[in-house]
Amino acid sequence: MQTAKVLRGRVKDAHTIELDEPVSSVETEVEVIVRPVGPATAAPLSETLSSEEWRKVFHAWVESHDRTVPIPSAESLRREGIYEDRW
């Protein structure tokens, strides 16, 4: 059975890859696929924008919603209203 493991690192030269973690007990030939990767996760906007920029982005998001959609009634948001078939 073939298994795959993703290893991350940096290409040093045409024949060398510096891995972030050591490889243990590989007893067969391996295939190496090299592709660029970006950061694992982007930083939240709240950490990258100033307070004023964050306020503008947030208010623009709020204003982008359709105000003609009716607000659900309090009764429809109760558990019995959401899971009718379970009661």
Protein backbone atom coordinates (compact mmCIF):
# COMPACT_ATOMS: atom_id res chain seq x y z
CA MET A 1 0.00 0.00 0.00
CA GLN A 2 1.38 3.40 -0.95
CA THR A 3 1.16 6.26 1.50
CA ALA A 4 1.89 9.91 1.03
CA LYS A 5 3.33 12.41 3.44
CA VAL A 6 3.58 16.13 2.82
CA LEU A 7 6.93 17.57 3.81
CA ARG A 8 7.64 21.28 3.72
CA GLY A 9 10.95 22.99 3.19
CA ARG A 10 13.00 25.25 0.96
CA VAL A 11 14.90 24.53 -2.23
CA LYS A 12 18.57 25.37 -1.61
CA ASP A 13 19.91 24.51 -5.08
CA ALA A 14 19.17 22.22 -8.02
CA HIS A 15 19.87 19.09 -5.96
CA THR A 16 19.08 20.03 -2.36
CA ILE A 17 15.88 20.63 -0.44
CA GLU A 18 16.14 21.74 3.19
CA LEU A 19 13.18 20.19 5.03
CA ASP A 20 11.42 21.82 7.97
CA GLU A 21 11.25 18.44 9.76
CA PRO A 22 13.51 15.38 9.49
CA VAL A 23 12.31 12.31 7.59
CA SER A 24 12.39 9.03 9.48
CA SER A 25 12.48 5.45 8.17
CA VAL A 26 11.97 5.81 4.42
CA GLU A 27 13.07 2.50 2.90
CA THR A 28 12.01 2.96 -0.70
CA GLU A 29 12.29 5.39 -3.57
CA VAL A 30 10.33 8.60 -3.18
CA GLU A 31 8.78 11.09 -5.58
CA VAL A 32 9.35 14.78 -4.95
CA ILE A 33 6.90 17.35 -6.24
CA VAL A 34 8.06 20.94 -5.84
CA ARG A 35 5.51 23.72 -5.79
CA PRO A 36 5.45 27.15 -4.19
CA VAL A 37 3.18 27.60 -1.19
CA GLY A 38 1.90 30.75 0.44
CA PRO A 39 1.37 31.40 4.10
CA ALA A 40 -0.73 28.78 5.90
CA THR A 41 -3.40 31.32 6.78
CA ALA A 42 -3.81 34.96 6.03
CA ALA A 43 -3.75 37.34 8.97
CA PRO A 44 -7.22 38.59 9.97
CA LEU A 45 -8.17 42.02 8.66
CA SER A 46 -8.53 43.20 12.25
CA GLU A 47 -4.77 42.66 12.68
CA THR A 48 -3.66 44.18 9.39
CA LEU A 49 -5.89 47.27 9.19
CA SER A 50 -5.95 50.37 11.36
CA SER A 51 -9.03 50.93 13.53
CA GLU A 52 -10.42 53.47 11.06
CA GLU A 53 -9.83 51.18 8.04
CA TRP A 54 -11.44 48.27 9.92
CA ARG A 55 -14.51 50.42 10.72
CA LYS A 56 -14.87 51.40 7.05
CA VAL A 57 -14.59 47.79 5.84
CA PHE A 58 -17.05 46.56 8.48
CA HIS A 59 -19.64 49.27 7.72
CA ALA A 60 -19.30 48.61 3.98
CA TRP A 61 -20.00 44.91 4.68
CA VAL A 62 -23.04 45.79 6.81
CA GLU A 63 -24.40 48.11 4.14
CA SER A 64 -23.96 45.44 1.45
CA HIS A 65 -26.77 43.32 2.91
CA ASP A 66 -30.26 43.36 1.40
CA ARG A 67 -32.50 45.24 3.83
CA THR A 68 -35.70 43.97 2.17
CA VAL A 69 -35.22 40.44 3.53
CA PRO A 70 -37.69 39.97 6.40
CA ILE A 71 -36.29 39.40 9.88
CA PRO A 72 -37.16 35.92 11.22
CA SER A 73 -39.60 35.82 14.11
CA ALA A 74 -38.33 34.91 17.57
CA GLU A 75 -40.56 31.81 17.51
CA SER A 76 -38.97 30.52 14.30
CA LEU A 77 -35.52 30.72 15.90
CA ARG A 78 -36.44 28.47 18.83
CA ARG A 79 -35.12 24.91 18.73
CA GLU A 80 -38.60 23.58 17.99
CA GLY A 81 -38.87 25.86 14.96
CA ILE A 82 -35.48 24.89 13.58
CA TYR A 83 -35.75 21.12 14.19
CA GLU A 84 -39.48 20.57 13.59
CA ASP A 85 -39.04 16.91 12.62
CA ARG A 86 -37.23 16.06 15.87
CA TRP A 87 -39.99 17.04 18.27
